[in-house]
N, C-alpha and C. Protein backbone atom coordinates (compact mmCIF):
# COMPACT_ATOMS: atom_id res chain seq x y z
N UNK A 1 0.85 -1.18 0.00
CA UNK A 1 0.00 0.00 0.00
C UNK A 1 0.89 1.23 0.00
N UNK A 2 0.52 2.19 -0.79
CA UNK A 2 1.29 3.43 -0.86
C UNK A 2 0.32 4.60 -0.77
N UNK A 3 0.63 5.52 0.14
CA UNK A 3 -0.22 6.70 0.29
C UNK A 3 0.16 7.72 -0.78
N UNK A 4 -0.79 8.55 -1.14
CA UNK A 4 -0.55 9.58 -2.15
C UNK A 4 0.29 10.72 -1.57
N UNK A 5 0.87 11.49 -2.46
CA UNK A 5 1.63 12.67 -2.06
C UNK A 5 0.71 13.64 -1.34
N UNK A 6 -0.54 13.70 -1.76
CA UNK A 6 -1.51 14.59 -1.12
C UNK A 6 -1.66 14.26 0.37
N UNK A 7 -1.75 12.99 0.70
CA UNK A 7 -1.86 12.59 2.11
C UNK A 7 -0.57 12.92 2.85
N UNK A 8 0.56 12.65 2.23
CA UNK A 8 1.85 12.98 2.82
C UNK A 8 1.92 14.48 3.14
N UNK A 9 1.58 15.31 2.18
CA UNK A 9 1.62 16.76 2.40
C UNK A 9 0.60 17.18 3.46
N UNK A 10 -0.54 16.55 3.50
CA UNK A 10 -1.54 16.88 4.51
C UNK A 10 -1.00 16.62 5.91
N UNK A 11 -0.37 15.49 6.09
CA UNK A 11 0.20 15.17 7.40
C UNK A 11 1.34 16.11 7.75
N UNK A 12 2.17 16.45 6.77
CA UNK A 12 3.28 17.37 7.02
C UNK A 12 2.78 18.76 7.41
N UNK A 13 1.75 19.25 6.71
CA UNK A 13 1.18 20.57 7.04
C UNK A 13 0.65 20.55 8.46
N UNK A 14 -0.10 19.52 8.80
CA UNK A 14 -0.65 19.43 10.16
C UNK A 14 0.47 19.41 11.20
N UNK A 15 1.53 18.68 10.92
CA UNK A 15 2.65 18.63 11.86
C UNK A 15 3.28 20.01 12.02
N UNK A 16 3.48 20.70 10.91
CA UNK A 16 4.11 22.02 10.96
C UNK A 16 3.27 22.99 11.79
N UNK A 17 1.99 23.00 11.53
CA UNK A 17 1.11 23.91 12.27
C UNK A 17 1.08 23.54 13.75
N UNK A 18 1.07 22.25 14.05
CA UNK A 18 1.07 21.80 15.45
C UNK A 18 2.36 22.20 16.17
N UNK A 19 3.45 22.30 15.44
CA UNK A 19 4.74 22.68 16.03
C UNK A 19 4.81 24.17 16.35
N UNK A 20 3.86 24.95 15.85
CA UNK A 20 3.90 26.41 16.05
C UNK A 20 2.56 26.93 16.58
N UNK A 21 2.14 26.46 17.75
CA UNK A 21 0.84 26.88 18.27
C UNK A 21 0.81 28.35 18.72
N UNK A 22 1.99 28.92 18.93
CA UNK A 22 2.07 30.30 19.42
C UNK A 22 1.87 31.35 18.32
N UNK A 23 1.82 30.90 17.08
CA UNK A 23 1.64 31.83 15.96
C UNK A 23 0.91 31.14 14.82
N UNK A 24 0.70 31.86 13.73
CA UNK A 24 0.01 31.30 12.57
C UNK A 24 0.98 31.19 11.40
N UNK A 25 1.50 29.98 11.16
CA UNK A 25 2.40 29.79 10.02
C UNK A 25 1.67 30.05 8.70
N UNK A 26 2.42 30.47 7.69
CA UNK A 26 1.86 30.75 6.38
C UNK A 26 2.11 29.58 5.43
N UNK A 27 1.38 29.58 4.34
CA UNK A 27 1.55 28.56 3.31
C UNK A 27 2.96 28.63 2.74
N UNK A 28 3.46 29.83 2.49
CA UNK A 28 4.82 30.00 1.97
C UNK A 28 5.88 29.46 2.92
N UNK A 29 5.67 29.68 4.19
CA UNK A 29 6.61 29.18 5.20
C UNK A 29 6.64 27.66 5.22
N UNK A 30 5.48 27.04 5.17
CA UNK A 30 5.39 25.58 5.17
C UNK A 30 6.05 25.03 3.91
N UNK A 31 5.74 25.63 2.77
CA UNK A 31 6.31 25.17 1.49
C UNK A 31 7.83 25.28 1.51
N UNK A 32 8.36 26.39 2.01
CA UNK A 32 9.80 26.58 2.06
C UNK A 32 10.47 25.59 3.02
N UNK A 33 9.85 25.35 4.14
CA UNK A 33 10.43 24.45 5.14
C UNK A 33 10.54 23.02 4.63
N UNK A 34 9.56 22.57 3.89
CA UNK A 34 9.58 21.20 3.37
C UNK A 34 10.14 21.11 1.96
N UNK A 35 10.35 22.26 1.31
CA UNK A 35 10.85 22.24 -0.06
C UNK A 35 9.84 21.69 -1.04
N UNK A 36 8.57 22.06 -0.84
CA UNK A 36 7.52 21.60 -1.74
C UNK A 36 6.80 22.80 -2.34
N UNK A 37 6.07 22.57 -3.37
CA UNK A 37 5.38 23.62 -4.11
C UNK A 37 4.37 24.36 -3.25
N UNK A 38 4.41 25.68 -3.34
CA UNK A 38 3.45 26.52 -2.62
C UNK A 38 2.02 26.24 -3.10
N UNK A 39 1.86 25.99 -4.40
CA UNK A 39 0.54 25.68 -4.94
C UNK A 39 -0.02 24.38 -4.36
N UNK A 40 0.84 23.38 -4.20
CA UNK A 40 0.40 22.12 -3.60
C UNK A 40 -0.04 22.35 -2.16
N UNK A 41 0.75 23.10 -1.42
CA UNK A 41 0.42 23.37 -0.02
C UNK A 41 -0.89 24.13 0.07
N UNK A 42 -1.11 25.06 -0.84
CA UNK A 42 -2.34 25.84 -0.84
C UNK A 42 -3.56 24.94 -1.01
N UNK A 43 -3.48 23.99 -1.94
CA UNK A 43 -4.59 23.06 -2.17
C UNK A 43 -4.82 22.17 -0.94
N UNK A 44 -3.74 21.71 -0.34
CA UNK A 44 -3.84 20.87 0.85
C UNK A 44 -4.48 21.64 2.00
N UNK A 45 -4.02 22.86 2.22
CA UNK A 45 -4.55 23.67 3.32
C UNK A 45 -6.03 23.95 3.12
N UNK A 46 -6.42 24.22 1.90
CA UNK A 46 -7.83 24.46 1.61
C UNK A 46 -8.67 23.24 2.01
N UNK A 47 -8.24 22.06 1.62
CA UNK A 47 -8.97 20.84 1.94
C UNK A 47 -8.93 20.53 3.44
N UNK A 48 -7.80 20.79 4.08
CA UNK A 48 -7.71 20.58 5.53
C UNK A 48 -8.67 21.52 6.26
N UNK A 49 -8.86 22.71 5.70
CA UNK A 49 -9.82 23.65 6.28
C UNK A 49 -11.25 23.13 6.13
N UNK A 50 -11.57 22.63 4.95
CA UNK A 50 -12.91 22.08 4.72
C UNK A 50 -13.18 20.89 5.64
N UNK A 51 -12.15 20.11 5.92
CA UNK A 51 -12.29 18.93 6.77
C UNK A 51 -12.35 19.28 8.26
N UNK A 52 -12.07 20.55 8.58
CA UNK A 52 -12.14 20.97 9.98
C UNK A 52 -10.87 20.74 10.78
N UNK A 53 -9.74 20.54 10.11
CA UNK A 53 -8.48 20.34 10.80
C UNK A 53 -7.72 21.65 11.05
N UNK A 54 -7.83 22.59 10.11
CA UNK A 54 -7.15 23.88 10.28
C UNK A 54 -8.13 25.01 10.02
N UNK A 55 -7.78 26.15 10.60
CA UNK A 55 -8.50 27.39 10.34
C UNK A 55 -7.50 28.34 9.70
N UNK A 56 -7.95 29.09 8.71
CA UNK A 56 -7.05 30.03 8.05
C UNK A 56 -7.52 31.45 8.31
N UNK A 57 -6.54 32.34 8.37
CA UNK A 57 -6.80 33.76 8.57
C UNK A 57 -6.11 34.49 7.43
N UNK A 58 -6.86 35.30 6.71
CA UNK A 58 -6.28 36.05 5.59
C UNK A 58 -5.74 37.39 6.07
N UNK A 59 -4.93 37.99 5.21
CA UNK A 59 -4.45 39.33 5.49
C UNK A 59 -3.02 39.37 5.95
N UNK A 60 -2.59 40.58 6.33
CA UNK A 60 -1.21 40.86 6.72
C UNK A 60 -0.70 39.93 7.82
N UNK A 61 -1.48 39.71 8.85
CA UNK A 61 -1.05 38.84 9.95
C UNK A 61 -1.73 37.47 9.85
N UNK A 62 -2.03 37.07 8.62
CA UNK A 62 -2.74 35.82 8.38
C UNK A 62 -1.84 34.60 8.50
N UNK A 63 -2.46 33.49 8.33
CA UNK A 63 -1.77 32.21 8.42
C UNK A 63 -2.78 31.14 8.79
N UNK A 64 -2.30 30.10 9.42
CA UNK A 64 -3.22 29.02 9.80
C UNK A 64 -2.91 28.53 11.20
N UNK A 65 -3.92 27.91 11.78
CA UNK A 65 -3.79 27.30 13.10
C UNK A 65 -4.66 26.05 13.11
N UNK A 66 -4.38 25.18 14.04
CA UNK A 66 -5.20 23.98 14.16
C UNK A 66 -6.60 24.35 14.62
N UNK A 67 -7.59 23.69 14.08
CA UNK A 67 -8.98 23.95 14.45
C UNK A 67 -9.39 23.14 15.68
N UNK A 68 -8.56 22.17 16.07
CA UNK A 68 -8.81 21.40 17.28
C UNK A 68 -7.48 20.97 17.86
N UNK A 69 -7.47 20.55 19.10
CA UNK A 69 -6.20 20.15 19.73
C UNK A 69 -5.54 19.00 18.97
N UNK A 70 -4.21 18.98 18.92
CA UNK A 70 -3.50 17.94 18.18
C UNK A 70 -3.84 16.52 18.64
N UNK A 71 -4.13 16.35 19.91
CA UNK A 71 -4.48 15.00 20.39
C UNK A 71 -5.84 14.54 19.88
N UNK A 72 -6.63 15.46 19.34
CA UNK A 72 -7.94 15.11 18.78
C UNK A 72 -7.91 14.86 17.27
N UNK A 73 -6.74 15.04 16.67
CA UNK A 73 -6.59 14.78 15.23
C UNK A 73 -5.94 13.41 15.09
N UNK A 74 -6.75 12.44 14.71
CA UNK A 74 -6.34 11.04 14.64
C UNK A 74 -5.84 10.73 13.23
N UNK A 75 -4.66 10.13 13.14
CA UNK A 75 -4.03 9.88 11.85
C UNK A 75 -4.88 9.01 10.93
N UNK A 76 -5.49 7.98 11.46
CA UNK A 76 -6.32 7.12 10.63
C UNK A 76 -7.45 7.89 9.98
N UNK A 77 -8.03 8.80 10.72
CA UNK A 77 -9.11 9.64 10.19
C UNK A 77 -8.61 10.54 9.07
N UNK A 78 -7.45 11.14 9.28
CA UNK A 78 -6.87 12.01 8.25
C UNK A 78 -6.60 11.21 6.97
N UNK A 79 -6.01 10.03 7.12
CA UNK A 79 -5.70 9.21 5.95
C UNK A 79 -6.99 8.81 5.22
N UNK A 80 -8.01 8.43 5.96
CA UNK A 80 -9.28 8.06 5.31
C UNK A 80 -9.87 9.23 4.53
N UNK A 81 -9.71 10.45 5.05
CA UNK A 81 -10.25 11.64 4.38
C UNK A 81 -9.41 12.06 3.18
N UNK A 82 -8.12 11.84 3.24
CA UNK A 82 -7.25 12.37 2.18
C UNK A 82 -6.93 11.37 1.08
N UNK A 83 -7.11 10.11 1.35
CA UNK A 83 -6.85 9.09 0.32
C UNK A 83 -8.11 8.90 -0.52
N UNK A 84 -8.02 9.13 -1.81
CA UNK A 84 -9.19 9.00 -2.66
C UNK A 84 -9.64 7.56 -2.86
N UNK A 85 -8.70 6.63 -2.71
CA UNK A 85 -9.02 5.25 -3.01
C UNK A 85 -8.19 4.32 -2.14
N UNK A 86 -8.82 3.72 -1.16
CA UNK A 86 -8.12 2.76 -0.32
C UNK A 86 -8.34 1.33 -0.79
N UNK A 87 -8.88 1.18 -2.00
CA UNK A 87 -9.05 -0.15 -2.57
C UNK A 87 -7.69 -0.65 -3.03
N UNK A 88 -7.20 -1.68 -2.39
CA UNK A 88 -5.87 -2.18 -2.71
C UNK A 88 -5.81 -2.89 -4.06
N UNK A 89 -6.91 -3.50 -4.44
CA UNK A 89 -6.99 -4.20 -5.72
C UNK A 89 -8.35 -3.89 -6.35
N UNK A 90 -8.47 -4.03 -7.66
CA UNK A 90 -9.72 -3.68 -8.34
C UNK A 90 -10.95 -4.41 -7.81
N UNK A 91 -10.80 -5.63 -7.34
CA UNK A 91 -11.98 -6.38 -6.90
C UNK A 91 -12.59 -5.84 -5.60
N UNK A 92 -11.94 -4.86 -4.95
CA UNK A 92 -12.52 -4.23 -3.77
C UNK A 92 -13.76 -3.42 -4.15
N UNK A 93 -13.79 -2.96 -5.38
CA UNK A 93 -14.92 -2.18 -5.88
C UNK A 93 -15.95 -3.11 -6.51
N UNK A 94 -17.20 -2.98 -6.11
CA UNK A 94 -18.26 -3.87 -6.61
C UNK A 94 -18.34 -3.88 -8.13
N UNK A 95 -18.17 -2.71 -8.74
CA UNK A 95 -18.28 -2.60 -10.19
C UNK A 95 -17.13 -3.31 -10.91
N UNK A 96 -16.01 -3.48 -10.21
CA UNK A 96 -14.83 -4.07 -10.83
C UNK A 96 -14.64 -5.53 -10.43
N UNK A 97 -15.56 -6.09 -9.69
CA UNK A 97 -15.40 -7.45 -9.16
C UNK A 97 -15.70 -8.51 -10.22
N UNK A 98 -15.10 -8.38 -11.38
CA UNK A 98 -15.37 -9.30 -12.49
C UNK A 98 -14.38 -10.46 -12.54
N UNK A 99 -13.58 -10.61 -11.53
CA UNK A 99 -12.60 -11.69 -11.50
C UNK A 99 -13.32 -13.04 -11.38
N UNK A 100 -12.85 -14.00 -12.12
CA UNK A 100 -13.52 -15.31 -12.15
C UNK A 100 -13.45 -16.06 -10.82
N UNK A 101 -12.46 -15.75 -9.99
CA UNK A 101 -12.35 -16.49 -8.73
C UNK A 101 -12.99 -15.76 -7.54
N UNK A 102 -13.64 -14.63 -7.79
CA UNK A 102 -14.24 -13.84 -6.71
C UNK A 102 -15.09 -14.68 -5.75
N UNK A 103 -15.94 -15.57 -6.19
CA UNK A 103 -16.77 -16.34 -5.24
C UNK A 103 -15.96 -17.18 -4.25
N UNK A 104 -14.76 -17.58 -4.58
CA UNK A 104 -13.95 -18.43 -3.71
C UNK A 104 -12.64 -17.78 -3.28
N UNK A 105 -12.48 -16.53 -3.56
CA UNK A 105 -11.20 -15.86 -3.35
C UNK A 105 -10.93 -15.55 -1.87
N UNK A 106 -9.79 -15.98 -1.39
CA UNK A 106 -9.37 -15.67 -0.02
C UNK A 106 -8.38 -14.50 -0.01
N UNK A 107 -7.82 -14.18 -1.16
CA UNK A 107 -6.90 -13.04 -1.26
C UNK A 107 -7.63 -11.75 -0.92
N UNK A 108 -8.80 -11.59 -1.46
CA UNK A 108 -9.58 -10.38 -1.22
C UNK A 108 -9.79 -10.16 0.28
N UNK A 109 -10.17 -11.22 0.98
CA UNK A 109 -10.39 -11.11 2.43
C UNK A 109 -9.10 -10.75 3.15
N UNK A 110 -7.99 -11.40 2.77
CA UNK A 110 -6.70 -11.11 3.40
C UNK A 110 -6.31 -9.65 3.20
N UNK A 111 -6.54 -9.13 2.01
CA UNK A 111 -6.20 -7.74 1.73
C UNK A 111 -7.13 -6.77 2.47
N UNK A 112 -8.38 -7.14 2.61
CA UNK A 112 -9.31 -6.32 3.42
C UNK A 112 -8.81 -6.25 4.87
N UNK A 113 -8.40 -7.39 5.40
CA UNK A 113 -7.90 -7.43 6.78
C UNK A 113 -6.61 -6.62 6.92
N UNK A 114 -5.74 -6.71 5.92
CA UNK A 114 -4.48 -5.95 5.95
C UNK A 114 -4.75 -4.45 5.95
N UNK A 115 -5.68 -4.02 5.11
CA UNK A 115 -6.02 -2.59 5.06
C UNK A 115 -6.61 -2.14 6.39
N UNK A 116 -7.50 -2.95 6.94
CA UNK A 116 -8.11 -2.63 8.23
C UNK A 116 -7.05 -2.53 9.33
N UNK A 117 -6.09 -3.45 9.32
CA UNK A 117 -5.01 -3.43 10.31
C UNK A 117 -4.16 -2.17 10.17
N UNK A 118 -3.84 -1.81 8.95
CA UNK A 118 -3.06 -0.60 8.67
C UNK A 118 -3.76 0.63 9.25
N UNK A 119 -5.04 0.76 8.96
CA UNK A 119 -5.80 1.91 9.45
C UNK A 119 -5.99 1.85 10.96
N UNK A 120 -6.13 0.65 11.51
CA UNK A 120 -6.29 0.51 12.96
C UNK A 120 -5.03 1.00 13.69
N UNK A 121 -3.87 0.70 13.14
CA UNK A 121 -2.63 1.20 13.75
C UNK A 121 -2.61 2.72 13.71
N UNK A 122 -2.95 3.31 12.57
CA UNK A 122 -2.97 4.77 12.47
C UNK A 122 -4.01 5.39 13.41
N UNK A 123 -5.08 4.66 13.68
CA UNK A 123 -6.10 5.16 14.61
C UNK A 123 -5.57 5.26 16.04
N UNK A 124 -4.46 4.59 16.33
CA UNK A 124 -3.86 4.65 17.66
C UNK A 124 -2.92 5.83 17.83
N UNK A 125 -2.72 6.62 16.78
CA UNK A 125 -1.81 7.76 16.83
C UNK A 125 -2.56 9.05 16.53
N UNK A 126 -2.17 10.09 17.24
CA UNK A 126 -2.73 11.41 16.99
C UNK A 126 -1.62 12.32 16.48
N UNK A 127 -2.03 13.48 16.05
CA UNK A 127 -1.05 14.49 15.62
C UNK A 127 -0.10 14.83 16.77
N UNK A 128 -0.60 14.84 17.98
CA UNK A 128 0.24 15.12 19.15
C UNK A 128 1.39 14.12 19.25
N UNK A 129 1.13 12.86 18.92
CA UNK A 129 2.18 11.84 18.95
C UNK A 129 3.28 12.14 17.94
N UNK A 130 2.91 12.68 16.80
CA UNK A 130 3.89 12.96 15.74
C UNK A 130 4.82 14.11 16.07
N UNK A 131 4.39 14.98 16.96
CA UNK A 131 5.19 16.18 17.25
C UNK A 131 5.70 16.21 18.69
N UNK A 132 5.81 15.04 19.32
CA UNK A 132 6.33 14.97 20.69
C UNK A 132 7.76 15.51 20.78
N UNK A 133 8.56 15.27 19.75
CA UNK A 133 9.95 15.74 19.71
C UNK A 133 10.01 17.12 19.04
N UNK A 134 9.27 18.06 19.58
CA UNK A 134 9.08 19.38 18.97
C UNK A 134 10.38 20.13 18.71
N UNK A 135 11.27 20.15 19.67
CA UNK A 135 12.49 20.95 19.51
C UNK A 135 13.32 20.48 18.32
N UNK A 136 13.50 19.19 18.20
CA UNK A 136 14.28 18.64 17.08
C UNK A 136 13.58 18.93 15.76
N UNK A 137 12.28 18.71 15.70
CA UNK A 137 11.53 18.96 14.46
C UNK A 137 11.61 20.43 14.06
N UNK A 138 11.44 21.32 15.01
CA UNK A 138 11.53 22.76 14.70
C UNK A 138 12.91 23.11 14.15
N UNK A 139 13.97 22.59 14.76
CA UNK A 139 15.33 22.86 14.29
C UNK A 139 15.53 22.34 12.86
N UNK A 140 15.06 21.13 12.61
CA UNK A 140 15.21 20.55 11.27
C UNK A 140 14.45 21.36 10.23
N UNK A 141 13.25 21.76 10.55
CA UNK A 141 12.45 22.54 9.60
C UNK A 141 13.02 23.94 9.40
N UNK A 142 13.54 24.53 10.45
CA UNK A 142 14.17 25.85 10.31
C UNK A 142 15.42 25.75 9.45
N UNK A 143 16.19 24.69 9.63
CA UNK A 143 17.39 24.48 8.82
C UNK A 143 17.06 24.28 7.36
N UNK A 144 16.02 23.54 7.09
CA UNK A 144 15.60 23.30 5.70
C UNK A 144 15.12 24.59 5.07
N UNK A 145 14.40 25.39 5.84
CA UNK A 145 13.89 26.66 5.34
C UNK A 145 15.04 27.62 5.05
N UNK A 146 16.03 27.67 5.95
CA UNK A 146 17.20 28.53 5.73
C UNK A 146 17.94 28.13 4.46
N UNK A 147 18.11 26.84 4.25
CA UNK A 147 18.82 26.35 3.06
C UNK A 147 18.04 26.70 1.81
N UNK A 148 16.72 26.59 1.86
CA UNK A 148 15.89 26.91 0.70
C UNK A 148 15.96 28.38 0.35
N UNK A 149 16.19 29.22 1.35
CA UNK A 149 16.26 30.66 1.12
C UNK A 149 17.68 31.11 0.78
N UNK A 150 18.60 30.16 0.63
CA UNK A 150 19.96 30.51 0.23
C UNK A 150 20.90 30.73 1.39
N UNK A 151 20.44 30.48 2.58
CA UNK A 151 21.28 30.68 3.77
C UNK A 151 22.22 29.52 4.02
N UNK A 152 22.15 28.51 3.18
CA UNK A 152 23.01 27.35 3.37
C UNK A 152 22.45 26.42 4.42
N UNK A 153 22.99 25.24 4.50
CA UNK A 153 22.47 24.28 5.47
C UNK A 153 22.78 24.71 6.89
N UNK A 154 21.84 24.47 7.76
CA UNK A 154 22.00 24.80 9.16
C UNK A 154 22.55 23.58 9.87
N UNK A 155 23.57 23.76 10.65
CA UNK A 155 24.15 22.66 11.40
C UNK A 155 23.34 22.44 12.66
N UNK A 156 22.96 21.21 12.88
CA UNK A 156 22.19 20.86 14.06
C UNK A 156 23.05 20.03 15.00
N UNK A 157 23.03 20.39 16.26
CA UNK A 157 23.72 19.61 17.27
C UNK A 157 22.67 19.12 18.23
N UNK A 158 22.33 17.86 18.09
CA UNK A 158 21.25 17.30 18.91
C UNK A 158 21.73 17.11 20.33
N UNK A 159 20.83 17.41 21.26
CA UNK A 159 21.12 17.22 22.66
C UNK A 159 21.87 18.38 23.27
N UNK A 160 22.21 19.40 22.50
CA UNK A 160 22.93 20.54 23.01
C UNK A 160 22.11 21.79 22.82
N UNK A 161 22.09 22.64 23.80
CA UNK A 161 21.38 23.92 23.68
C UNK A 161 22.20 24.86 22.84
N UNK A 162 21.51 25.67 22.09
CA UNK A 162 22.20 26.65 21.24
C UNK A 162 22.35 27.96 21.96
């Protein structure tokens, strides 16, 4: 199973916003920190807003913030909302179930169970779990952003105060 880039970006945006609860990060800031297209981030943020995960504020002091506490944003739920198709094989869809062995197929059941197990594991994690190591994540994202802006790579010394 492979998640789409859209889901990956959705999770990254949520993590970034969760790491900065004291302010409202911008789309440009998120895009620069991860080195991804601003247009992609804009589309992701729009959909995350519709889903009720983030709130956006326009204008000079605009940006985004989480619409609910990070511990209330469950990864399995986010993946279910952002993945357009969790059908692992064509026979998962009733219209495509034209396989000759469908009446006796055990593969289909095994794959259903595997998908359910995958999502069940994600249901045990929240956004808060992803950002427990806030200091390290902030340093890494700041370093990536500095490099993207031409400031060169930022040296990180883990475990040491700057």
